[in-house]
Amino acid sequence: MQAHRNHPGWWAALVHRLSGLALAVFLPLHFLALGTALTGADALDRFLDLTASPLVKVAETGIVLALALHLALGLRVLHVEFLPRPERRTRAFVAGCFGISVAATLLFLLNLTA
């Protein structure tokens, strides 16, 4: 394993890109789902019945995690690019981004089960 792959910034950049890809895959599917509302209430109701499956709930949780990671790590990129001081605490900053993302996902799960 190469030395740069041990750096937390490398992992943060990788996860930021992968979460962006997950969101890019999700978005057309989301638009397709919203498009069922245009064909009528019955079509939308049938689609919403499909979303009650546990597999869809797991996928929803994954997309919430991807969205939270992409947001937090995107803010990290803005911090690195635009703030004048160098980032000295990369490991702590990346850990904070991951922690905030996991906390947001857990809040979503708590709301999902309520």
PDB file of N, CA and C in Angstrom:
ATOM      1  N   MET A   1       0.845  -1.184   0.000  1.00  0.00           N
ATOM      2  CA  MET A   1       0.000   0.000   0.000  1.00  0.00           C
ATOM      3  C   MET A   1       0.882   1.237   0.000  1.00  0.00           C
ATOM      4  N   GLN A   2       0.532   2.186  -0.817  1.00  0.00           N
ATOM      5  CA  GLN A   2       1.342   3.386  -0.928  1.00  0.00           C
ATOM      6  C   GLN A   2       1.104   4.304   0.258  1.00  0.00           C
ATOM      7  N   ALA A   3       2.118   5.133   0.545  1.00  0.00           N
ATOM      8  CA  ALA A   3       2.068   5.986   1.735  1.00  0.00           C
ATOM      9  C   ALA A   3       0.937   6.999   1.681  1.00  0.00           C
ATOM     10  N   HIS A   4       0.630   7.542   0.498  1.00  0.00           N
ATOM     11  CA  HIS A   4      -0.406   8.575   0.435  1.00  0.00           C
ATOM     12  C   HIS A   4      -1.785   8.020   0.770  1.00  0.00           C
ATOM     13  N   ARG A   5      -1.973   6.727   0.632  1.00  0.00           N
ATOM     14  CA  ARG A   5      -3.276   6.128   0.950  1.00  0.00           C
ATOM     15  C   ARG A   5      -3.507   6.016   2.455  1.00  0.00           C
ATOM     16  N   ASN A   6      -2.479   6.243   3.223  1.00  0.00           N
ATOM     17  CA  ASN A   6      -2.628   6.253   4.680  1.00  0.00           C
ATOM     18  C   ASN A   6      -3.064   7.614   5.190  1.00  0.00           C
ATOM     19  N   HIS A   7      -3.061   8.612   4.335  1.00  0.00           N
ATOM     20  CA  HIS A   7      -3.404   9.970   4.746  1.00  0.00           C
ATOM     21  C   HIS A   7      -4.923  10.111   4.818  1.00  0.00           C
ATOM     22  N   PRO A   8      -5.440  10.690   5.899  1.00  0.00           N
ATOM     23  CA  PRO A   8      -6.892  10.842   6.030  1.00  0.00           C
ATOM     24  C   PRO A   8      -7.515  11.690   4.932  1.00  0.00           C
ATOM     25  N   GLY A   9      -6.773  12.649   4.410  1.00  0.00           N
ATOM     26  CA  GLY A   9      -7.288  13.480   3.327  1.00  0.00           C
ATOM     27  C   GLY A   9      -7.551  12.673   2.070  1.00  0.00           C
ATOM     28  N   TRP A  10      -6.723  11.668   1.812  1.00  0.00           N
ATOM     29  CA  TRP A  10      -6.925  10.805   0.643  1.00  0.00           C
ATOM     30  C   TRP A  10      -8.226  10.030   0.786  1.00  0.00           C
ATOM     31  N   TRP A  11      -8.447   9.485   1.971  1.00  0.00           N
ATOM     32  CA  TRP A  11      -9.686   8.729   2.208  1.00  0.00           C
ATOM     33  C   TRP A  11     -10.901   9.639   2.147  1.00  0.00           C
ATOM     34  N   ALA A  12     -10.763  10.858   2.658  1.00  0.00           N
ATOM     35  CA  ALA A  12     -11.872  11.813   2.605  1.00  0.00           C
ATOM     36  C   ALA A  12     -12.219  12.144   1.152  1.00  0.00           C
ATOM     37  N   ALA A  13     -11.207  12.349   0.325  1.00  0.00           N
ATOM     38  CA  ALA A  13     -11.445  12.655  -1.085  1.00  0.00           C
ATOM     39  C   ALA A  13     -12.100  11.466  -1.790  1.00  0.00           C
ATOM     40  N   LEU A  14     -11.647  10.259  -1.480  1.00  0.00           N
ATOM     41  CA  LEU A  14     -12.228   9.055  -2.094  1.00  0.00           C
ATOM     42  C   LEU A  14     -13.703   8.905  -1.716  1.00  0.00           C
ATOM     43  N   VAL A  15     -14.011   9.046  -0.440  1.00  0.00           N
ATOM     44  CA  VAL A  15     -15.396   8.906   0.023  1.00  0.00           C
ATOM     45  C   VAL A  15     -16.264  10.032  -0.549  1.00  0.00           C
ATOM     46  N   HIS A  16     -15.710  11.233  -0.664  1.00  0.00           N
ATOM     47  CA  HIS A  16     -16.462  12.345  -1.250  1.00  0.00           C
ATOM     48  C   HIS A  16     -16.837  12.036  -2.696  1.00  0.00           C
ATOM     49  N   ARG A  17     -15.895  11.491  -3.450  1.00  0.00           N
ATOM     50  CA  ARG A  17     -16.188  11.142  -4.847  1.00  0.00           C
ATOM     51  C   ARG A  17     -17.187   9.995  -4.946  1.00  0.00           C
ATOM     52  N   LEU A  18     -17.018   8.966  -4.123  1.00  0.00           N
ATOM     53  CA  LEU A  18     -17.936   7.817  -4.169  1.00  0.00           C
ATOM     54  C   LEU A  18     -19.353   8.202  -3.747  1.00  0.00           C
ATOM     55  N   SER A  19     -19.464   9.068  -2.750  1.00  0.00           N
ATOM     56  CA  SER A  19     -20.797   9.508  -2.340  1.00  0.00           C
ATOM     57  C   SER A  19     -21.433  10.360  -3.435  1.00  0.00           C
ATOM     58  N   GLY A  20     -20.630  11.123  -4.150  1.00  0.00           N
ATOM     59  CA  GLY A  20     -21.141  11.887  -5.280  1.00  0.00           C
ATOM     60  C   GLY A  20     -21.656  10.975  -6.387  1.00  0.00           C
ATOM     61  N   LEU A  21     -20.944   9.885  -6.640  1.00  0.00           N
ATOM     62  CA  LEU A  21     -21.414   8.909  -7.632  1.00  0.00           C
ATOM     63  C   LEU A  21     -22.725   8.260  -7.195  1.00  0.00           C
ATOM     64  N   ALA A  22     -22.821   7.931  -5.914  1.00  0.00           N
ATOM     65  CA  ALA A  22     -24.065   7.331  -5.404  1.00  0.00           C
ATOM     66  C   ALA A  22     -25.232   8.293  -5.580  1.00  0.00           C
ATOM     67  N   LEU A  23     -25.003   9.562  -5.318  1.00  0.00           N
ATOM     68  CA  LEU A  23     -26.059  10.559  -5.505  1.00  0.00           C
ATOM     69  C   LEU A  23     -26.416  10.734  -6.974  1.00  0.00           C
ATOM     70  N   ALA A  24     -25.417  10.633  -7.853  1.00  0.00           N
ATOM     71  CA  ALA A  24     -25.674  10.755  -9.289  1.00  0.00           C
ATOM     72  C   ALA A  24     -26.499   9.584  -9.806  1.00  0.00           C
ATOM     73  N   VAL A  25     -26.323   8.411  -9.228  1.00  0.00           N
ATOM     74  CA  VAL A  25     -27.130   7.246  -9.603  1.00  0.00           C
ATOM     75  C   VAL A  25     -28.541   7.382  -9.040  1.00  0.00           C
ATOM     76  N   PHE A  26     -28.645   7.905  -7.831  1.00  0.00           N
ATOM     77  CA  PHE A  26     -29.941   8.023  -7.169  1.00  0.00           C
ATOM     78  C   PHE A  26     -30.855   9.054  -7.830  1.00  0.00           C
ATOM     79  N   LEU A  27     -30.288  10.148  -8.277  1.00  0.00           N
ATOM     80  CA  LEU A  27     -31.104  11.265  -8.752  1.00  0.00           C
ATOM     81  C   LEU A  27     -32.045  10.907  -9.912  1.00  0.00           C
ATOM     82  N   PRO A  28     -31.592  10.231 -10.959  1.00  0.00           N
ATOM     83  CA  PRO A  28     -32.543   9.856 -12.019  1.00  0.00           C
ATOM     84  C   PRO A  28     -33.646   8.921 -11.512  1.00  0.00           C
ATOM     85  N   LEU A  29     -33.295   8.023 -10.596  1.00  0.00           N
ATOM     86  CA  LEU A  29     -34.313   7.137 -10.023  1.00  0.00           C
ATOM     87  C   LEU A  29     -35.341   7.935  -9.223  1.00  0.00           C
ATOM     88  N   HIS A  30     -34.870   8.943  -8.546  1.00  0.00           N
ATOM     89  CA  HIS A  30     -35.760   9.811  -7.776  1.00  0.00           C
ATOM     90  C   HIS A  30     -36.712  10.567  -8.712  1.00  0.00           C
ATOM     91  N   PHE A  31     -36.182  11.079  -9.800  1.00  0.00           N
ATOM     92  CA  PHE A  31     -37.029  11.776 -10.773  1.00  0.00           C
ATOM     93  C   PHE A  31     -38.039  10.829 -11.407  1.00  0.00           C
ATOM     94  N   LEU A  32     -37.628   9.597 -11.655  1.00  0.00           N
ATOM     95  CA  LEU A  32     -38.548   8.599 -12.195  1.00  0.00           C
ATOM     96  C   LEU A  32     -39.692   8.345 -11.212  1.00  0.00           C
ATOM     97  N   ALA A  33     -39.356   8.259  -9.927  1.00  0.00           N
ATOM     98  CA  ALA A  33     -40.376   8.052  -8.900  1.00  0.00           C
ATOM     99  C   ALA A  33     -41.323   9.244  -8.828  1.00  0.00           C
ATOM    100  N   LEU A  34     -40.774  10.442  -8.902  1.00  0.00           N
ATOM    101  CA  LEU A  34     -41.624  11.632  -8.874  1.00  0.00           C
ATOM    102  C   LEU A  34     -42.511  11.708 -10.115  1.00  0.00           C
ATOM    103  N   GLY A  35     -42.006  11.174 -11.217  1.00  0.00           N
ATOM    104  CA  GLY A  35     -42.775  11.183 -12.454  1.00  0.00           C
ATOM    105  C   GLY A  35     -44.020  10.322 -12.383  1.00  0.00           C
ATOM    106  N   THR A  36     -44.039   9.339 -11.469  1.00  0.00           N
ATOM    107  CA  THR A  36     -45.247   8.515 -11.334  1.00  0.00           C
ATOM    108  C   THR A  36     -46.422   9.343 -10.826  1.00  0.00           C
ATOM    109  N   ALA A  37     -46.143  10.411 -10.133  1.00  0.00           N
ATOM    110  CA  ALA A  37     -47.221  11.282  -9.648  1.00  0.00           C
ATOM    111  C   ALA A  37     -47.929  11.975 -10.811  1.00  0.00           C
ATOM    112  N   LEU A  38     -47.213  12.153 -11.904  1.00  0.00           N
ATOM    113  CA  LEU A  38     -47.816  12.806 -13.068  1.00  0.00           C
ATOM    114  C   LEU A  38     -48.814  11.903 -13.792  1.00  0.00           C
ATOM    115  N   THR A  39     -48.660  10.592 -13.615  1.00  0.00           N
ATOM    116  CA  THR A  39     -49.560   9.660 -14.296  1.00  0.00           C
ATOM    117  C   THR A  39     -50.822   9.384 -13.491  1.00  0.00           C
ATOM    118  N   GLY A  40     -50.870   9.881 -12.278  1.00  0.00           N
ATOM    119  CA  GLY A  40     -52.079   9.725 -11.478  1.00  0.00           C
ATOM    120  C   GLY A  40     -51.798   9.244 -10.073  1.00  0.00           C
ATOM    121  N   ALA A  41     -52.794   9.408  -9.227  1.00  0.00           N
ATOM    122  CA  ALA A  41     -52.655   9.050  -7.813  1.00  0.00           C
ATOM    123  C   ALA A  41     -52.501   7.546  -7.621  1.00  0.00           C
ATOM    124  N   ASP A  42     -53.169   6.747  -8.466  1.00  0.00           N
ATOM    125  CA  ASP A  42     -53.068   5.295  -8.325  1.00  0.00           C
ATOM    126  C   ASP A  42     -51.649   4.804  -8.585  1.00  0.00           C
ATOM    127  N   ALA A  43     -51.009   5.345  -9.618  1.00  0.00           N
ATOM    128  CA  ALA A  43     -49.631   4.953  -9.936  1.00  0.00           C
ATOM    129  C   ALA A  43     -48.690   5.349  -8.807  1.00  0.00           C
ATOM    130  N   LEU A  44     -48.893   6.521  -8.255  1.00  0.00           N
ATOM    131  CA  LEU A  44     -48.053   6.963  -7.147  1.00  0.00           C
ATOM    132  C   LEU A  44     -48.279   6.100  -5.909  1.00  0.00           C
ATOM    133  N   ASP A  45     -49.521   5.743  -5.646  1.00  0.00           N
ATOM    134  CA  ASP A  45     -49.816   4.876  -4.497  1.00  0.00           C
ATOM    135  C   ASP A  45     -49.163   3.508  -4.659  1.00  0.00           C
ATOM    136  N   ARG A  46     -49.202   2.959  -5.867  1.00  0.00           N
ATOM    137  CA  ARG A  46     -48.550   1.663  -6.109  1.00  0.00           C
ATOM    138  C   ARG A  46     -47.049   1.776  -5.886  1.00  0.00           C
ATOM    139  N   PHE A  47     -46.461   2.870  -6.354  1.00  0.00           N
ATOM    140  CA  PHE A  47     -45.030   3.063  -6.154  1.00  0.00           C
ATOM    141  C   PHE A  47     -44.705   3.210  -4.665  1.00  0.00           C
ATOM    142  N   LEU A  48     -45.501   3.976  -3.955  1.00  0.00           N
ATOM    143  CA  LEU A  48     -45.249   4.186  -2.526  1.00  0.00           C
ATOM    144  C   LEU A  48     -45.427   2.894  -1.733  1.00  0.00           C
ATOM    145  N   ASP A  49     -46.300   2.009  -2.192  1.00  0.00           N
ATOM    146  CA  ASP A  49     -46.426   0.702  -1.539  1.00  0.00           C
ATOM    147  C   ASP A  49     -45.138  -0.108  -1.679  1.00  0.00           C
ATOM    148  N   LEU A  50     -44.455   0.042  -2.815  1.00  0.00           N
ATOM    149  CA  LEU A  50     -43.184  -0.663  -3.015  1.00  0.00           C
ATOM    150  C   LEU A  50     -42.099  -0.154  -2.065  1.00  0.00           C
ATOM    151  N   THR A  51     -42.195   1.103  -1.682  1.00  0.00           N
ATOM    152  CA  THR A  51     -41.152   1.688  -0.836  1.00  0.00           C
ATOM    153  C   THR A  51     -41.252   1.248   0.621  1.00  0.00           C
ATOM    154  N   ALA A  52     -42.259   0.485   0.960  1.00  0.00           N
ATOM    155  CA  ALA A  52     -42.397   0.012   2.339  1.00  0.00           C
ATOM    156  C   ALA A  52     -41.517  -1.199   2.618  1.00  0.00           C
ATOM    157  N   SER A  53     -40.855  -1.731   1.603  1.00  0.00           N
ATOM    158  CA  SER A  53     -40.037  -2.929   1.802  1.00  0.00           C
ATOM    159  C   SER A  53     -38.783  -2.599   2.614  1.00  0.00           C
ATOM    160  N   PRO A  54     -38.304  -3.553   3.397  1.00  0.00           N
ATOM    161  CA  PRO A  54     -37.086  -3.316   4.204  1.00  0.00           C
ATOM    162  C   PRO A  54     -35.860  -3.002   3.354  1.00  0.00           C
ATOM    163  N   LEU A  55     -35.773  -3.585   2.170  1.00  0.00           N
ATOM    164  CA  LEU A  55     -34.628  -3.317   1.301  1.00  0.00           C
ATOM    165  C   LEU A  55     -34.597  -1.847   0.872  1.00  0.00           C
ATOM    166  N   VAL A  56     -35.758  -1.290   0.604  1.00  0.00           N
ATOM    167  CA  VAL A  56     -35.835   0.122   0.230  1.00  0.00           C
ATOM    168  C   VAL A  56     -35.466   1.003   1.427  1.00  0.00           C
ATOM    169  N   LYS A  57     -35.868   0.604   2.618  1.00  0.00           N
ATOM    170  CA  LYS A  57     -35.508   1.373   3.819  1.00  0.00           C
ATOM    171  C   LYS A  57     -33.991   1.393   4.014  1.00  0.00           C
ATOM    172  N   VAL A  58     -33.345   0.257   3.760  1.00  0.00           N
ATOM    173  CA  VAL A  58     -31.879   0.203   3.862  1.00  0.00           C
ATOM    174  C   VAL A  58     -31.245   1.104   2.802  1.00  0.00           C
ATOM    175  N   ALA A  59     -31.799   1.061   1.583  1.00  0.00           N
ATOM    176  CA  ALA A  59     -31.277   1.916   0.513  1.00  0.00           C
ATOM    177  C   ALA A  59     -31.483   3.395   0.848  1.00  0.00           C
ATOM    178  N   GLU A  60     -32.627   3.739   1.426  1.00  0.00           N
ATOM    179  CA  GLU A  60     -32.865   5.128   1.838  1.00  0.00           C
ATOM    180  C   GLU A  60     -31.841   5.574   2.868  1.00  0.00           C
ATOM    181  N   THR A  61     -31.555   4.697   3.813  1.00  0.00           N
ATOM    182  CA  THR A  61     -30.563   5.019   4.833  1.00  0.00           C
ATOM    183  C   THR A  61     -29.195   5.228   4.195  1.00  0.00           C
ATOM    184  N   GLY A  62     -28.861   4.390   3.226  1.00  0.00           N
ATOM    185  CA  GLY A  62     -27.585   4.539   2.526  1.00  0.00           C
ATOM    186  C   GLY A  62     -27.489   5.842   1.767  1.00  0.00           C
ATOM    187  N   ILE A  63     -28.580   6.250   1.146  1.00  0.00           N
ATOM    188  CA  ILE A  63     -28.542   7.496   0.374  1.00  0.00           C
ATOM    189  C   ILE A  63     -28.488   8.707   1.310  1.00  0.00           C
ATOM    190  N   VAL A  64     -29.104   8.603   2.475  1.00  0.00           N
ATOM    191  CA  VAL A  64     -28.991   9.685   3.466  1.00  0.00           C
ATOM    192  C   VAL A  64     -27.546   9.792   3.952  1.00  0.00           C
ATOM    193  N   LEU A  65     -26.907   8.640   4.191  1.00  0.00           N
ATOM    194  CA  LEU A  65     -25.502   8.662   4.596  1.00  0.00           C
ATOM    195  C   LEU A  65     -24.635   9.253   3.493  1.00  0.00           C
ATOM    196  N   ALA A  66     -24.892   8.868   2.240  1.00  0.00           N
ATOM    197  CA  ALA A  66     -24.112   9.407   1.120  1.00  0.00           C
ATOM    198  C   ALA A  66     -24.297  10.918   1.011  1.00  0.00           C
ATOM    199  N   LEU A  67     -25.517  11.380   1.187  1.00  0.00           N
ATOM    200  CA  LEU A  67     -25.786  12.820   1.110  1.00  0.00           C
ATOM    201  C   LEU A  67     -25.075  13.567   2.242  1.00  0.00           C
ATOM    202  N   ALA A  68     -25.152  13.028   3.449  1.00  0.00           N
ATOM    203  CA  ALA A  68     -24.497  13.685   4.590  1.00  0.00           C
ATOM    204  C   ALA A  68     -22.974  13.688   4.419  1.00  0.00           C
ATOM    205  N   LEU A  69     -22.416  12.572   3.949  1.00  0.00           N
ATOM    206  CA  LEU A  69     -20.973  12.518   3.721  1.00  0.00           C
ATOM    207  C   LEU A  69     -20.552  13.501   2.636  1.00  0.00           C
ATOM    208  N   HIS A  70     -21.319  13.544   1.561  1.00  0.00           N
ATOM    209  CA  HIS A  70     -20.963  14.429   0.457  1.00  0.00           C
ATOM    210  C   HIS A  70     -21.020  15.895   0.903  1.00  0.00           C
ATOM    211  N   LEU A  71     -22.009  16.229   1.708  1.00  0.00           N
ATOM    212  CA  LEU A  71     -22.121  17.603   2.212  1.00  0.00           C
ATOM    213  C   LEU A  71     -20.961  17.943   3.149  1.00  0.00           C
ATOM    214  N   ALA A  72     -20.727  17.097   4.137  1.00  0.00           N
ATOM    215  CA  ALA A  72     -19.679  17.387   5.127  1.00  0.00           C
ATOM    216  C   ALA A  72     -18.294  17.414   4.486  1.00  0.00           C
ATOM    217  N   LEU A  73     -18.015  16.447   3.620  1.00  0.00           N
ATOM    218  CA  LEU A  73     -16.694  16.411   2.989  1.00  0.00           C
ATOM    219  C   LEU A  73     -16.552  17.501   1.927  1.00  0.00           C
ATOM    220  N   GLY A  74     -17.663  17.932   1.346  1.00  0.00           N
ATOM    221  CA  GLY A  74     -17.623  19.076   0.434  1.00  0.00           C
ATOM    222  C   GLY A  74     -17.282  20.361   1.180  1.00  0.00           C
ATOM    223  N   LEU A  75     -17.820  20.499   2.384  1.00  0.00           N
ATOM    224  CA  LEU A  75     -17.449  21.659   3.212  1.00  0.00           C
ATOM    225  C   LEU A  75     -15.976  21.608   3.574  1.00  0.00           C
ATOM    226  N   ARG A  76     -15.454  20.405   3.777  1.00  0.00           N
ATOM    227  CA  ARG A  76     -14.025  20.241   4.045  1.00  0.00           C
ATOM    228  C   ARG A  76     -13.202  20.723   2.846  1.00  0.00           C
ATOM    229  N   VAL A  77     -13.637  20.377   1.645  1.00  0.00           N
ATOM    230  CA  VAL A  77     -12.928  20.818   0.444  1.00  0.00           C
ATOM    231  C   VAL A  77     -12.935  22.350   0.364  1.00  0.00           C
ATOM    232  N   LEU A  78     -14.083  22.956   0.641  1.00  0.00           N
ATOM    233  CA  LEU A  78     -14.146  24.416   0.633  1.00  0.00           C
ATOM    234  C   LEU A  78     -13.210  25.020   1.676  1.00  0.00           C
ATOM    235  N   HIS A  79     -13.124  24.382   2.838  1.00  0.00           N
ATOM    236  CA  HIS A  79     -12.223  24.842   3.900  1.00  0.00           C
ATOM    237  C   HIS A  79     -10.772  24.786   3.426  1.00  0.00           C
ATOM    238  N   VAL A  80     -10.398  23.685   2.812  1.00  0.00           N
ATOM    239  CA  VAL A  80      -9.015  23.523   2.350  1.00  0.00           C
ATOM    240  C   VAL A  80      -8.697  24.528   1.237  1.00  0.00           C
ATOM    241  N   GLU A  81      -9.643  24.739   0.341  1.00  0.00           N
ATOM    242  CA  GLU A  81      -9.391  25.590  -0.826  1.00  0.00           C
ATOM    243  C   GLU A  81      -9.406  27.082  -0.514  1.00  0.00           C
ATOM    244  N   PHE A  82     -10.293  27.526   0.365  1.00  0.00           N
ATOM    245  CA  PHE A  82     -10.538  28.957   0.464  1.00  0.00           C
ATOM    246  C   PHE A  82     -10.110  29.617   1.763  1.00  0.00           C
ATOM    247  N   LEU A  83      -9.864  28.883   2.809  1.00  0.00           N
ATOM    248  CA  LEU A  83      -9.421  29.527   4.041  1.00  0.00           C
ATOM    249  C   LEU A  83      -7.912  29.714   4.015  1.00  0.00           C
ATOM    250  N   PRO A  84      -7.430  30.850   4.509  1.00  0.00           N
ATOM    251  CA  PRO A  84      -6.021  31.176   4.344  1.00  0.00           C
ATOM    252  C   PRO A  84      -5.065  30.305   5.154  1.00  0.00           C
ATOM    253  N   ARG A  85      -5.505  29.760   6.249  1.00  0.00           N
ATOM    254  CA  ARG A  85      -4.569  28.978   7.061  1.00  0.00           C
ATOM    255  C   ARG A  85      -4.542  27.520   6.584  1.00  0.00           C
ATOM    256  N   PRO A  86      -3.398  26.892   6.679  1.00  0.00           N
ATOM    257  CA  PRO A  86      -3.323  25.488   6.265  1.00  0.00           C
ATOM    258  C   PRO A  86      -4.076  24.594   7.252  1.00  0.00           C
ATOM    259  N   GLU A  87      -4.539  23.505   6.751  1.00  0.00           N
ATOM    260  CA  GLU A  87      -5.273  22.563   7.598  1.00  0.00           C
ATOM    261  C   GLU A  87      -4.262  21.697   8.353  1.00  0.00           C
ATOM    262  N   ARG A  88      -4.116  21.959   9.631  1.00  0.00           N
ATOM    263  CA  ARG A  88      -3.129  21.230  10.435  1.00  0.00           C
ATOM    264  C   ARG A  88      -3.711  19.983  11.074  1.00  0.00           C
ATOM    265  N   ARG A  89      -4.986  19.991  11.285  1.00  0.00           N
ATOM    266  CA  ARG A  89      -5.624  18.867  11.989  1.00  0.00           C
ATOM    267  C   ARG A  89      -6.494  18.071  11.016  1.00  0.00           C
ATOM    268  N   THR A  90      -5.881  17.575   9.977  1.00  0.00           N
ATOM    269  CA  THR A  90      -6.620  16.861   8.940  1.00  0.00           C
ATOM    270  C   THR A  90      -7.371  15.679   9.521  1.00  0.00           C
ATOM    271  N   ARG A  91      -6.702  14.889  10.331  1.00  0.00           N
ATOM    272  CA  ARG A  91      -7.316  13.678  10.885  1.00  0.00           C
ATOM    273  C   ARG A  91      -8.554  14.028  11.719  1.00  0.00           C
ATOM    274  N   ALA A  92      -8.459  15.047  12.551  1.00  0.00           N
ATOM    275  CA  ALA A  92      -9.597  15.454  13.385  1.00  0.00           C
ATOM    276  C   ALA A  92     -10.725  16.037  12.538  1.00  0.00           C
ATOM    277  N   PHE A  93     -10.371  16.799  11.518  1.00  0.00           N
ATOM    278  CA  PHE A  93     -11.382  17.408  10.663  1.00  0.00           C
ATOM    279  C   PHE A  93     -12.140  16.337   9.882  1.00  0.00           C
ATOM    280  N   VAL A  94     -11.416  15.382   9.332  1.00  0.00           N
ATOM    281  CA  VAL A  94     -12.054  14.286   8.583  1.00  0.00           C
ATOM    282  C   VAL A  94     -12.903  13.442   9.524  1.00  0.00           C
ATOM    283  N   ALA A  95     -12.394  13.164  10.700  1.00  0.00           N
ATOM    284  CA  ALA A  95     -13.174  12.388  11.676  1.00  0.00           C
ATOM    285  C   ALA A  95     -14.452  13.128  12.059  1.00  0.00           C
ATOM    286  N   GLY A  96     -14.363  14.443  12.192  1.00  0.00           N
ATOM    287  CA  GLY A  96     -15.559  15.237  12.486  1.00  0.00           C
ATOM    288  C   GLY A  96     -16.580  15.158  11.360  1.00  0.00           C
ATOM    289  N   CYS A  97     -16.104  15.201  10.121  1.00  0.00           N
ATOM    290  CA  CYS A  97     -17.010  15.078   8.966  1.00  0.00           C
ATOM    291  C   CYS A  97     -17.724  13.733   8.987  1.00  0.00           C
ATOM    292  N   PHE A  98     -16.981  12.668   9.240  1.00  0.00           N
ATOM    293  CA  PHE A  98     -17.590  11.339   9.306  1.00  0.00           C
ATOM    294  C   PHE A  98     -18.551  11.234  10.484  1.00  0.00           C
ATOM    295  N   GLY A  99     -18.164  11.795  11.615  1.00  0.00           N
ATOM    296  CA  GLY A  99     -19.020  11.740  12.802  1.00  0.00           C
ATOM    297  C   GLY A  99     -20.331  12.484  12.605  1.00  0.00           C
ATOM    298  N   ILE A 100     -20.262  13.663  12.016  1.00  0.00           N
ATOM    299  CA  ILE A 100     -21.477  14.430  11.749  1.00  0.00           C
ATOM    300  C   ILE A 100     -22.380  13.681  10.776  1.00  0.00           C
ATOM    301  N   SER A 101     -21.778  13.054   9.776  1.00  0.00           N
ATOM    302  CA  SER A 101     -22.558  12.306   8.785  1.00  0.00           C
ATOM    303  C   SER A 101     -23.252  11.099   9.410  1.00  0.00           C
ATOM    304  N   VAL A 102     -22.537  10.382  10.242  1.00  0.00           N
ATOM    305  CA  VAL A 102     -23.136   9.220  10.910  1.00  0.00           C
ATOM    306  C   VAL A 102     -24.235   9.670  11.874  1.00  0.00           C
ATOM    307  N   ALA A 103     -24.014  10.780  12.573  1.00  0.00           N
ATOM    308  CA  ALA A 103     -25.037  11.298  13.490  1.00  0.00           C
ATOM    309  C   ALA A 103     -26.305  11.683  12.729  1.00  0.00           C
ATOM    310  N   ALA A 104     -26.146  12.341  11.573  1.00  0.00           N
ATOM    311  CA  ALA A 104     -27.309  12.710  10.770  1.00  0.00           C
ATOM    312  C   ALA A 104     -28.054  11.471  10.290  1.00  0.00           C
ATOM    313  N   THR A 105     -27.314  10.437   9.911  1.00  0.00           N
ATOM    314  CA  THR A 105     -27.941   9.195   9.457  1.00  0.00           C
ATOM    315  C   THR A 105     -28.664   8.499  10.603  1.00  0.00           C
ATOM    316  N   LEU A 106     -28.084   8.519  11.778  1.00  0.00           N
ATOM    317  CA  LEU A 106     -28.751   7.912  12.938  1.00  0.00           C
ATOM    318  C   LEU A 106     -30.025   8.674  13.290  1.00  0.00           C
ATOM    319  N   LEU A 107     -30.001   9.990  13.172  1.00  0.00           N
ATOM    320  CA  LEU A 107     -31.221  10.769  13.391  1.00  0.00           C
ATOM    321  C   LEU A 107     -32.294  10.395  12.371  1.00  0.00           C
ATOM    322  N   PHE A 108     -31.876  10.181  11.127  1.00  0.00           N
ATOM    323  CA  PHE A 108     -32.827   9.736  10.111  1.00  0.00           C
ATOM    324  C   PHE A 108     -33.414   8.383  10.479  1.00  0.00           C
ATOM    325  N   LEU A 109     -32.566   7.468  10.940  1.00  0.00           N
ATOM    326  CA  LEU A 109     -33.051   6.146  11.338  1.00  0.00           C
ATOM    327  C   LEU A 109     -34.017   6.223  12.509  1.00  0.00           C
ATOM    328  N   LEU A 110     -33.752   7.095  13.457  1.00  0.00           N
ATOM    329  CA  LEU A 110     -34.660   7.257  14.598  1.00  0.00           C
ATOM    330  C   LEU A 110     -36.018   7.762  14.125  1.00  0.00           C
ATOM    331  N   ASN A 111     -36.027   8.669  13.181  1.00  0.00           N
ATOM    332  CA  ASN A 111     -37.268   9.183  12.636  1.00  0.00           C
ATOM    333  C   ASN A 111     -37.982   8.127  11.783  1.00  0.00           C
ATOM    334  N   LEU A 112     -37.210   7.290  11.135  1.00  0.00           N
ATOM    335  CA  LEU A 112     -37.762   6.253  10.268  1.00  0.00           C
ATOM    336  C   LEU A 112     -38.506   5.190  11.073  1.00  0.00           C
ATOM    337  N   THR A 113     -37.981   4.878  12.241  1.00  0.00           N
ATOM    338  CA  THR A 113     -38.593   3.817  13.040  1.00  0.00           C
ATOM    339  C   THR A 113     -39.718   4.337  13.912  1.00  0.00           C
ATOM    340  N   ALA A 114     -39.847   5.651  14.046  1.00  0.00           N
ATOM    341  CA  ALA A 114     -40.895   6.212  14.897  1.00  0.00           C
ATOM    342  C   ALA A 114     -42.247   6.165  14.227  1.00  0.00           C
TER     343      ALA A 114
END
